[in-house]
Amino acid sequence: MSLDPFLQSILVCPKCKGDLALVDQPEGLSCPACQLLYPIREDIPVMLVEEALPYISGSAH
C-alpha cells in the first residue's frame, strides 16, 4: 500500500477529527475512537463516514 506520508499526516477522522492509523488488512485508515475503517481504493482514501466500515480490535466486522 502506498499512501503519501504527508497526506497521512494531515488526514483526520471526518466524524470525530481524531488521529487515523494505517492498516494493511483490510487496506485503509482506522479511527480507534470511532471504531471505523476508511477504505483505500486505488491508492485514494475514501474519507466519507457513509463509506466507512466497522473496525474493532484490529479486525473489520
Protein backbone atom coordinates (compact mmCIF):
# COMPACT_ATOMS: atom_id res chain seq x y z
CA MET A 1 0.00 0.00 0.00
CA SER A 2 1.37 3.41 -0.88
CA LEU A 3 -0.09 6.43 0.84
CA ASP A 4 1.86 9.66 0.75
CA PRO A 5 3.31 10.26 4.26
CA PHE A 6 2.36 13.94 4.15
CA LEU A 7 -1.22 13.09 3.22
CA GLN A 8 -1.40 10.55 6.03
CA SER A 9 -0.09 13.13 8.50
CA ILE A 10 -2.82 15.68 7.70
CA LEU A 11 -5.84 13.36 7.40
CA VAL A 12 -8.14 13.08 10.41
CA CYS A 13 -11.33 11.15 11.03
CA PRO A 14 -14.19 13.09 9.40
CA LYS A 15 -16.53 12.02 12.21
CA CYS A 16 -14.54 12.88 15.36
CA LYS A 17 -11.48 14.71 13.93
CA GLY A 18 -9.23 12.17 15.70
CA ASP A 19 -5.99 10.59 14.52
CA LEU A 20 -6.02 7.77 11.99
CA ALA A 21 -3.79 4.70 11.76
CA LEU A 22 -2.79 3.00 8.52
CA VAL A 23 -3.74 -0.71 8.44
CA ASP A 24 -2.94 -3.39 5.85
CA GLN A 25 -5.78 -5.90 6.15
CA PRO A 26 -8.23 -4.68 5.13
CA GLU A 27 -6.43 -1.78 3.49
CA GLY A 28 -7.47 1.53 4.99
CA LEU A 29 -7.20 4.15 7.70
CA SER A 30 -8.65 3.24 11.07
CA CYS A 31 -10.05 5.52 13.74
CA PRO A 32 -9.71 3.86 17.16
CA ALA A 33 -12.08 6.36 18.80
CA CYS A 34 -14.96 5.76 16.36
CA GLN A 35 -14.01 2.14 15.60
CA LEU A 36 -14.30 2.84 11.88
CA LEU A 37 -12.15 1.96 8.88
CA TYR A 38 -11.95 4.34 5.95
CA PRO A 39 -11.03 2.16 2.95
CA ILE A 40 -8.27 2.98 0.49
CA ARG A 41 -9.31 2.29 -3.11
CA GLU A 42 -6.78 2.62 -5.94
CA ASP A 43 -4.40 4.44 -3.55
CA ILE A 44 -7.09 7.03 -2.66
CA PRO A 45 -8.51 7.16 0.88
CA VAL A 46 -12.32 7.27 0.90
CA MET A 47 -12.94 9.75 3.71
CA LEU A 48 -16.74 9.57 3.84
CA VAL A 49 -18.44 8.47 7.06
CA GLU A 50 -21.14 6.80 4.93
CA GLU A 51 -18.46 4.60 3.27
CA ALA A 52 -16.63 3.70 6.49
CA LEU A 53 -16.64 0.13 7.75
CA PRO A 54 -16.86 -1.09 11.36
CA TYR A 55 -13.34 -1.77 12.69
CA ILE A 56 -12.75 -3.20 16.15
CA SER A 57 -9.54 -4.52 17.76
CA GLY A 58 -7.56 -4.88 14.56
CA SER A 59 -10.23 -6.66 12.51
CA ALA A 60 -13.10 -5.47 10.34
CA HIS A 61 -16.55 -6.90 11.03
